Amino acid sequence: MARPNRVLKLDSYDPNPLLDRLKSFAPGQNDIGLASALGVTKSIISKIRNKHADISAEMLLNMHEMSGLSIRELRNLMGDTRRFF
C-alpha cells in the first residue's frame, strides 16, 4: 500500500509555479511539450497541476535533468520547503 504523500498536504504546496518555470525548457513551451520532455502524458501534468497527483522522485529527477535546476530549487518552486522528506 502506498504511503500518502505529505507534500500534497502542505499549505505552501503549489506545483503550478514549478510547472510554469519548467515549460520554458520544454519544446513548444506548453504543457504538451512539458509532458513529452518528461516522458509522461498531458493528463499527468493536469493531475499534478490540480493536486490530484504528486511529483514522484523519478519525475523530480527528470525535471532536474531537463532543466538543470537543482533539486532544492525545484522543491522551492513547488512550495516544498521541508528540510527533510
PDB file of N, CA and C in Angstrom:
ATOM      1  N   MET A   1       0.843  -1.187   0.000  1.00  0.00           N
ATOM      2  CA  MET A   1       0.000   0.000   0.000  1.00  0.00           C
ATOM      3  C   MET A   1       0.889   1.252   0.000  1.00  0.00           C
ATOM      4  N   ALA A   2       0.579   2.192  -0.851  1.00  0.00           N
ATOM      5  CA  ALA A   2       1.381   3.398  -0.983  1.00  0.00           C
ATOM      6  C   ALA A   2       1.181   4.320   0.208  1.00  0.00           C
ATOM      7  N   ARG A   3       2.282   4.942   0.603  1.00  0.00           N
ATOM      8  CA  ARG A   3       2.209   5.935   1.677  1.00  0.00           C
ATOM      9  C   ARG A   3       1.596   7.216   1.133  1.00  0.00           C
ATOM     10  N   PRO A   4       0.739   7.869   1.918  1.00  0.00           N
ATOM     11  CA  PRO A   4       0.199   9.147   1.446  1.00  0.00           C
ATOM     12  C   PRO A   4       1.325  10.177   1.370  1.00  0.00           C
ATOM     13  N   ASN A   5       1.306  10.999   0.363  1.00  0.00           N
ATOM     14  CA  ASN A   5       2.346  11.993   0.185  1.00  0.00           C
ATOM     15  C   ASN A   5       2.039  13.218   1.027  1.00  0.00           C
ATOM     16  N   ARG A   6       2.932  13.503   1.946  1.00  0.00           N
ATOM     17  CA  ARG A   6       2.731  14.631   2.856  1.00  0.00           C
ATOM     18  C   ARG A   6       2.861  15.983   2.164  1.00  0.00           C
ATOM     19  N   VAL A   7       3.583  16.055   1.049  1.00  0.00           N
ATOM     20  CA  VAL A   7       3.759  17.341   0.387  1.00  0.00           C
ATOM     21  C   VAL A   7       2.422  17.886  -0.116  1.00  0.00           C
ATOM     22  N   LEU A   8       1.515  17.025  -0.537  1.00  0.00           N
ATOM     23  CA  LEU A   8       0.217  17.492  -1.024  1.00  0.00           C
ATOM     24  C   LEU A   8      -0.587  18.180   0.070  1.00  0.00           C
ATOM     25  N   LYS A   9      -0.266  17.891   1.316  1.00  0.00           N
ATOM     26  CA  LYS A   9      -0.995  18.467   2.440  1.00  0.00           C
ATOM     27  C   LYS A   9      -0.376  19.768   2.963  1.00  0.00           C
ATOM     28  N   LEU A  10       0.795  20.145   2.472  1.00  0.00           N
ATOM     29  CA  LEU A  10       1.425  21.388   2.909  1.00  0.00           C
ATOM     30  C   LEU A  10       0.621  22.589   2.432  1.00  0.00           C
ATOM     31  N   ASP A  11       0.415  23.552   3.310  1.00  0.00           N
ATOM     32  CA  ASP A  11      -0.290  24.775   2.916  1.00  0.00           C
ATOM     33  C   ASP A  11       0.455  25.521   1.809  1.00  0.00           C
ATOM     34  N   SER A  12       1.775  25.439   1.838  1.00  0.00           N
ATOM     35  CA  SER A  12       2.591  26.172   0.877  1.00  0.00           C
ATOM     36  C   SER A  12       2.696  25.469  -0.487  1.00  0.00           C
ATOM     37  N   TYR A  13       2.217  24.224  -0.577  1.00  0.00           N
ATOM     38  CA  TYR A  13       2.396  23.448  -1.809  1.00  0.00           C
ATOM     39  C   TYR A  13       1.532  23.970  -2.943  1.00  0.00           C
ATOM     40  N   ASP A  14       2.190  24.320  -4.036  1.00  0.00           N
ATOM     41  CA  ASP A  14       1.514  24.720  -5.270  1.00  0.00           C
ATOM     42  C   ASP A  14       2.447  24.337  -6.426  1.00  0.00           C
ATOM     43  N   PRO A  15       2.128  23.289  -7.172  1.00  0.00           N
ATOM     44  CA  PRO A  15       3.018  22.841  -8.229  1.00  0.00           C
ATOM     45  C   PRO A  15       3.027  23.739  -9.464  1.00  0.00           C
ATOM     46  N   ASN A  16       2.093  24.659  -9.568  1.00  0.00           N
ATOM     47  CA  ASN A  16       1.979  25.460 -10.789  1.00  0.00           C
ATOM     48  C   ASN A  16       3.187  26.352 -11.071  1.00  0.00           C
ATOM     49  N   PRO A  17       3.767  27.047 -10.077  1.00  0.00           N
ATOM     50  CA  PRO A  17       4.980  27.823 -10.395  1.00  0.00           C
ATOM     51  C   PRO A  17       6.116  26.949 -10.922  1.00  0.00           C
ATOM     52  N   LEU A  18       6.250  25.746 -10.371  1.00  0.00           N
ATOM     53  CA  LEU A  18       7.265  24.821 -10.849  1.00  0.00           C
ATOM     54  C   LEU A  18       6.986  24.419 -12.298  1.00  0.00           C
ATOM     55  N   LEU A  19       5.771  23.982 -12.581  1.00  0.00           N
ATOM     56  CA  LEU A  19       5.435  23.543 -13.934  1.00  0.00           C
ATOM     57  C   LEU A  19       5.550  24.690 -14.934  1.00  0.00           C
ATOM     58  N   ASP A  20       5.147  25.888 -14.518  1.00  0.00           N
ATOM     59  CA  ASP A  20       5.250  27.051 -15.409  1.00  0.00           C
ATOM     60  C   ASP A  20       6.711  27.373 -15.718  1.00  0.00           C
ATOM     61  N   ARG A  21       7.573  27.263 -14.719  1.00  0.00           N
ATOM     62  CA  ARG A  21       9.009  27.520 -14.935  1.00  0.00           C
ATOM     63  C   ARG A  21       9.601  26.463 -15.868  1.00  0.00           C
ATOM     64  N   LEU A  22       9.219  25.215 -15.664  1.00  0.00           N
ATOM     65  CA  LEU A  22       9.756  24.129 -16.484  1.00  0.00           C
ATOM     66  C   LEU A  22       9.302  24.212 -17.938  1.00  0.00           C
ATOM     67  N   LYS A  23       8.131  24.815 -18.178  1.00  0.00           N
ATOM     68  CA  LYS A  23       7.650  24.946 -19.558  1.00  0.00           C
ATOM     69  C   LYS A  23       8.636  25.719 -20.427  1.00  0.00           C
ATOM     70  N   SER A  24       9.397  26.635 -19.816  1.00  0.00           N
ATOM     71  CA  SER A  24      10.353  27.422 -20.600  1.00  0.00           C
ATOM     72  C   SER A  24      11.481  26.557 -21.154  1.00  0.00           C
ATOM     73  N   PHE A  25      11.671  25.359 -20.597  1.00  0.00           N
ATOM     74  CA  PHE A  25      12.698  24.435 -21.076  1.00  0.00           C
ATOM     75  C   PHE A  25      12.130  23.405 -22.062  1.00  0.00           C
ATOM     76  N   ALA A  26      10.819  23.372 -22.215  1.00  0.00           N
ATOM     77  CA  ALA A  26      10.156  22.328 -22.994  1.00  0.00           C
ATOM     78  C   ALA A  26       9.900  22.775 -24.431  1.00  0.00           C
ATOM     79  N   PRO A  27       9.867  21.816 -25.344  1.00  0.00           N
ATOM     80  CA  PRO A  27       9.508  22.154 -26.729  1.00  0.00           C
ATOM     81  C   PRO A  27       8.099  22.737 -26.781  1.00  0.00           C
ATOM     82  N   GLY A  28       7.943  23.841 -27.470  1.00  0.00           N
ATOM     83  CA  GLY A  28       6.637  24.477 -27.584  1.00  0.00           C
ATOM     84  C   GLY A  28       6.264  25.308 -26.376  1.00  0.00           C
ATOM     85  N   GLN A  29       7.021  25.182 -25.317  1.00  0.00           N
ATOM     86  CA  GLN A  29       6.807  25.925 -24.072  1.00  0.00           C
ATOM     87  C   GLN A  29       5.349  25.870 -23.617  1.00  0.00           C
ATOM     88  N   ASN A  30       4.787  24.650 -23.635  1.00  0.00           N
ATOM     89  CA  ASN A  30       3.425  24.451 -23.157  1.00  0.00           C
ATOM     90  C   ASN A  30       3.358  23.123 -22.410  1.00  0.00           C
ATOM     91  N   ASP A  31       2.202  22.806 -21.838  1.00  0.00           N
ATOM     92  CA  ASP A  31       2.072  21.584 -21.049  1.00  0.00           C
ATOM     93  C   ASP A  31       2.257  20.320 -21.881  1.00  0.00           C
ATOM     94  N   ILE A  32       1.878  20.366 -23.139  1.00  0.00           N
ATOM     95  CA  ILE A  32       2.066  19.192 -24.001  1.00  0.00           C
ATOM     96  C   ILE A  32       3.563  18.942 -24.218  1.00  0.00           C
ATOM     97  N   GLY A  33       4.307  19.992 -24.499  1.00  0.00           N
ATOM     98  CA  GLY A  33       5.758  19.863 -24.657  1.00  0.00           C
ATOM     99  C   GLY A  33       6.436  19.444 -23.370  1.00  0.00           C
ATOM    100  N   LEU A  34       5.950  19.967 -22.251  1.00  0.00           N
ATOM    101  CA  LEU A  34       6.496  19.592 -20.943  1.00  0.00           C
ATOM    102  C   LEU A  34       6.259  18.116 -20.678  1.00  0.00           C
ATOM    103  N   ALA A  35       5.052  17.664 -20.924  1.00  0.00           N
ATOM    104  CA  ALA A  35       4.728  16.245 -20.721  1.00  0.00           C
ATOM    105  C   ALA A  35       5.633  15.371 -21.588  1.00  0.00           C
ATOM    106  N   SER A  36       5.815  15.749 -22.826  1.00  0.00           N
ATOM    107  CA  SER A  36       6.662  14.986 -23.736  1.00  0.00           C
ATOM    108  C   SER A  36       8.104  14.947 -23.234  1.00  0.00           C
ATOM    109  N   ALA A  37       8.625  16.084 -22.805  1.00  0.00           N
ATOM    110  CA  ALA A  37      10.005  16.158 -22.323  1.00  0.00           C
ATOM    111  C   ALA A  37      10.213  15.322 -21.059  1.00  0.00           C
ATOM    112  N   LEU A  38       9.171  15.203 -20.252  1.00  0.00           N
ATOM    113  CA  LEU A  38       9.271  14.427 -19.014  1.00  0.00           C
ATOM    114  C   LEU A  38       8.882  12.964 -19.209  1.00  0.00           C
ATOM    115  N   GLY A  39       8.391  12.618 -20.385  1.00  0.00           N
ATOM    116  CA  GLY A  39       8.017  11.239 -20.665  1.00  0.00           C
ATOM    117  C   GLY A  39       6.738  10.799 -19.989  1.00  0.00           C
ATOM    118  N   VAL A  40       5.815  11.751 -19.820  1.00  0.00           N
ATOM    119  CA  VAL A  40       4.508  11.448 -19.229  1.00  0.00           C
ATOM    120  C   VAL A  40       3.419  11.986 -20.150  1.00  0.00           C
ATOM    121  N   THR A  41       2.170  11.692 -19.825  1.00  0.00           N
ATOM    122  CA  THR A  41       1.063  12.205 -20.626  1.00  0.00           C
ATOM    123  C   THR A  41       0.643  13.593 -20.136  1.00  0.00           C
ATOM    124  N   LYS A  42      -0.047  14.298 -20.986  1.00  0.00           N
ATOM    125  CA  LYS A  42      -0.600  15.614 -20.608  1.00  0.00           C
ATOM    126  C   LYS A  42      -1.532  15.460 -19.416  1.00  0.00           C
ATOM    127  N   SER A  43      -2.213  14.328 -19.337  1.00  0.00           N
ATOM    128  CA  SER A  43      -3.122  14.051 -18.228  1.00  0.00           C
ATOM    129  C   SER A  43      -2.387  14.059 -16.883  1.00  0.00           C
ATOM    130  N   ILE A  44      -1.180  13.520 -16.857  1.00  0.00           N
ATOM    131  CA  ILE A  44      -0.394  13.508 -15.620  1.00  0.00           C
ATOM    132  C   ILE A  44      -0.059  14.942 -15.208  1.00  0.00           C
ATOM    133  N   ILE A  45       0.337  15.767 -16.160  1.00  0.00           N
ATOM    134  CA  ILE A  45       0.645  17.174 -15.858  1.00  0.00           C
ATOM    135  C   ILE A  45      -0.604  17.861 -15.307  1.00  0.00           C
ATOM    136  N   SER A  46      -1.750  17.598 -15.918  1.00  0.00           N
ATOM    137  CA  SER A  46      -3.004  18.181 -15.439  1.00  0.00           C
ATOM    138  C   SER A  46      -3.324  17.727 -14.016  1.00  0.00           C
ATOM    139  N   LYS A  47      -3.128  16.450 -13.731  1.00  0.00           N
ATOM    140  CA  LYS A  47      -3.385  15.945 -12.376  1.00  0.00           C
ATOM    141  C   LYS A  47      -2.452  16.585 -11.361  1.00  0.00           C
ATOM    142  N   ILE A  48      -1.208  16.786 -11.736  1.00  0.00           N
ATOM    143  CA  ILE A  48      -0.264  17.459 -10.832  1.00  0.00           C
ATOM    144  C   ILE A  48      -0.696  18.899 -10.610  1.00  0.00           C
ATOM    145  N   ARG A  49      -1.057  19.596 -11.691  1.00  0.00           N
ATOM    146  CA  ARG A  49      -1.498  20.999 -11.567  1.00  0.00           C
ATOM    147  C   ARG A  49      -2.694  21.139 -10.622  1.00  0.00           C
ATOM    148  N   ASN A  50      -3.592  20.161 -10.667  1.00  0.00           N
ATOM    149  CA  ASN A  50      -4.804  20.220  -9.854  1.00  0.00           C
ATOM    150  C   ASN A  50      -4.675  19.498  -8.518  1.00  0.00           C
ATOM    151  N   LYS A  51      -3.448  19.126  -8.163  1.00  0.00           N
ATOM    152  CA  LYS A  51      -3.137  18.468  -6.887  1.00  0.00           C
ATOM    153  C   LYS A  51      -3.859  17.136  -6.706  1.00  0.00           C
ATOM    154  N   HIS A  52      -4.077  16.447  -7.816  1.00  0.00           N
ATOM    155  CA  HIS A  52      -4.666  15.107  -7.762  1.00  0.00           C
ATOM    156  C   HIS A  52      -3.593  14.034  -7.863  1.00  0.00           C
ATOM    157  N   ALA A  53      -2.362  14.460  -8.130  1.00  0.00           N
ATOM    158  CA  ALA A  53      -1.218  13.555  -8.177  1.00  0.00           C
ATOM    159  C   ALA A  53      -0.002  14.329  -7.686  1.00  0.00           C
ATOM    160  N   ASP A  54       0.908  13.598  -7.083  1.00  0.00           N
ATOM    161  CA  ASP A  54       2.116  14.251  -6.594  1.00  0.00           C
ATOM    162  C   ASP A  54       3.242  14.113  -7.621  1.00  0.00           C
ATOM    163  N   ILE A  55       4.340  14.762  -7.337  1.00  0.00           N
ATOM    164  CA  ILE A  55       5.516  14.679  -8.183  1.00  0.00           C
ATOM    165  C   ILE A  55       6.415  13.610  -7.570  1.00  0.00           C
ATOM    166  N   SER A  56       6.598  12.535  -8.302  1.00  0.00           N
ATOM    167  CA  SER A  56       7.405  11.421  -7.796  1.00  0.00           C
ATOM    168  C   SER A  56       8.882  11.803  -7.784  1.00  0.00           C
ATOM    169  N   ALA A  57       9.658  11.032  -7.054  1.00  0.00           N
ATOM    170  CA  ALA A  57      11.108  11.252  -7.025  1.00  0.00           C
ATOM    171  C   ALA A  57      11.698  11.103  -8.426  1.00  0.00           C
ATOM    172  N   GLU A  58      11.208  10.115  -9.169  1.00  0.00           N
ATOM    173  CA  GLU A  58      11.694   9.904 -10.531  1.00  0.00           C
ATOM    174  C   GLU A  58      11.390  11.119 -11.413  1.00  0.00           C
ATOM    175  N   MET A  59      10.189  11.666 -11.285  1.00  0.00           N
ATOM    176  CA  MET A  59       9.824  12.830 -12.090  1.00  0.00           C
ATOM    177  C   MET A  59      10.655  14.042 -11.674  1.00  0.00           C
ATOM    178  N   LEU A  60      10.899  14.189 -10.374  1.00  0.00           N
ATOM    179  CA  LEU A  60      11.714  15.299  -9.894  1.00  0.00           C
ATOM    180  C   LEU A  60      13.120  15.219 -10.491  1.00  0.00           C
ATOM    181  N   LEU A  61      13.676  14.014 -10.544  1.00  0.00           N
ATOM    182  CA  LEU A  61      14.991  13.837 -11.170  1.00  0.00           C
ATOM    183  C   LEU A  61      14.936  14.151 -12.659  1.00  0.00           C
ATOM    184  N   ASN A  62      13.866  13.732 -13.333  1.00  0.00           N
ATOM    185  CA  ASN A  62      13.705  14.061 -14.758  1.00  0.00           C
ATOM    186  C   ASN A  62      13.610  15.572 -14.960  1.00  0.00           C
ATOM    187  N   MET A  63      12.907  16.253 -14.054  1.00  0.00           N
ATOM    188  CA  MET A  63      12.791  17.710 -14.129  1.00  0.00           C
ATOM    189  C   MET A  63      14.167  18.362 -13.974  1.00  0.00           C
ATOM    190  N   HIS A  64      14.948  17.840 -13.042  1.00  0.00           N
ATOM    191  CA  HIS A  64      16.305  18.340 -12.822  1.00  0.00           C
ATOM    192  C   HIS A  64      17.161  18.139 -14.074  1.00  0.00           C
ATOM    193  N   GLU A  65      17.115  16.944 -14.641  1.00  0.00           N
ATOM    194  CA  GLU A  65      17.915  16.648 -15.831  1.00  0.00           C
ATOM    195  C   GLU A  65      17.483  17.491 -17.026  1.00  0.00           C
ATOM    196  N   MET A  66      16.180  17.722 -17.154  1.00  0.00           N
ATOM    197  CA  MET A  66      15.659  18.502 -18.279  1.00  0.00           C
ATOM    198  C   MET A  66      16.053  19.973 -18.163  1.00  0.00           C
ATOM    199  N   SER A  67      15.985  20.511 -16.951  1.00  0.00           N
ATOM    200  CA  SER A  67      16.155  21.950 -16.758  1.00  0.00           C
ATOM    201  C   SER A  67      17.533  22.377 -16.270  1.00  0.00           C
ATOM    202  N   GLY A  68      18.227  21.479 -15.581  1.00  0.00           N
ATOM    203  CA  GLY A  68      19.488  21.866 -14.955  1.00  0.00           C
ATOM    204  C   GLY A  68      19.294  22.579 -13.617  1.00  0.00           C
ATOM    205  N   LEU A  69      18.039  22.780 -13.223  1.00  0.00           N
ATOM    206  CA  LEU A  69      17.759  23.402 -11.927  1.00  0.00           C
ATOM    207  C   LEU A  69      18.048  22.388 -10.816  1.00  0.00           C
ATOM    208  N   SER A  70      18.530  22.881  -9.681  1.00  0.00           N
ATOM    209  CA  SER A  70      18.831  21.974  -8.580  1.00  0.00           C
ATOM    210  C   SER A  70      17.541  21.396  -7.997  1.00  0.00           C
ATOM    211  N   ILE A  71      17.670  20.265  -7.332  1.00  0.00           N
ATOM    212  CA  ILE A  71      16.514  19.646  -6.676  1.00  0.00           C
ATOM    213  C   ILE A  71      15.935  20.610  -5.651  1.00  0.00           C
ATOM    214  N   ARG A  72      16.790  21.287  -4.890  1.00  0.00           N
ATOM    215  CA  ARG A  72      16.322  22.263  -3.895  1.00  0.00           C
ATOM    216  C   ARG A  72      15.507  23.356  -4.578  1.00  0.00           C
ATOM    217  N   GLU A  73      15.990  23.890  -5.705  1.00  0.00           N
ATOM    218  CA  GLU A  73      15.252  24.948  -6.409  1.00  0.00           C
ATOM    219  C   GLU A  73      13.914  24.430  -6.926  1.00  0.00           C
ATOM    220  N   LEU A  74      13.904  23.216  -7.465  1.00  0.00           N
ATOM    221  CA  LEU A  74      12.647  22.634  -7.935  1.00  0.00           C
ATOM    222  C   LEU A  74      11.662  22.496  -6.782  1.00  0.00           C
ATOM    223  N   ARG A  75      12.139  22.002  -5.646  1.00  0.00           N
ATOM    224  CA  ARG A  75      11.254  21.844  -4.483  1.00  0.00           C
ATOM    225  C   ARG A  75      10.768  23.197  -3.974  1.00  0.00           C
ATOM    226  N   ASN A  76      11.641  24.196  -3.967  1.00  0.00           N
ATOM    227  CA  ASN A  76      11.223  25.537  -3.537  1.00  0.00           C
ATOM    228  C   ASN A  76      10.148  26.104  -4.460  1.00  0.00           C
ATOM    229  N   LEU A  77      10.292  25.875  -5.773  1.00  0.00           N
ATOM    230  CA  LEU A  77       9.314  26.384  -6.731  1.00  0.00           C
ATOM    231  C   LEU A  77       7.925  25.801  -6.499  1.00  0.00           C
ATOM    232  N   MET A  78       7.861  24.579  -5.990  1.00  0.00           N
ATOM    233  CA  MET A  78       6.550  23.977  -5.728  1.00  0.00           C
ATOM    234  C   MET A  78       6.088  24.192  -4.297  1.00  0.00           C
ATOM    235  N   GLY A  79       6.860  24.963  -3.534  1.00  0.00           N
ATOM    236  CA  GLY A  79       6.440  25.281  -2.166  1.00  0.00           C
ATOM    237  C   GLY A  79       6.788  24.215  -1.149  1.00  0.00           C
ATOM    238  N   ASP A  80       7.637  23.274  -1.528  1.00  0.00           N
ATOM    239  CA  ASP A  80       8.057  22.220  -0.594  1.00  0.00           C
ATOM    240  C   ASP A  80       9.342  22.678   0.071  1.00  0.00           C
ATOM    241  N   THR A  81       9.196  23.315   1.218  1.00  0.00           N
ATOM    242  CA  THR A  81      10.344  23.876   1.921  1.00  0.00           C
ATOM    243  C   THR A  81      10.784  23.000   3.093  1.00  0.00           C
ATOM    244  N   ARG A  82      10.259  21.774   3.138  1.00  0.00           N
ATOM    245  CA  ARG A  82      10.696  20.874   4.211  1.00  0.00           C
ATOM    246  C   ARG A  82      12.188  20.624   4.088  1.00  0.00           C
ATOM    247  N   ARG A  83      12.844  20.538   5.223  1.00  0.00           N
ATOM    248  CA  ARG A  83      14.277  20.290   5.203  1.00  0.00           C
ATOM    249  C   ARG A  83      14.574  18.831   4.853  1.00  0.00           C
ATOM    250  N   PHE A  84      13.761  17.920   5.376  1.00  0.00           N
ATOM    251  CA  PHE A  84      13.916  16.501   5.101  1.00  0.00           C
ATOM    252  C   PHE A  84      12.585  15.970   4.592  1.00  0.00           C
ATOM    253  N   PHE A  85      12.644  14.919   3.794  1.00  0.00           N
ATOM    254  CA  PHE A  85      11.402  14.314   3.310  1.00  0.00           C
ATOM    255  C   PHE A  85      11.551  12.829   3.258  1.00  0.00           C
TER     256      PHE A  85
END
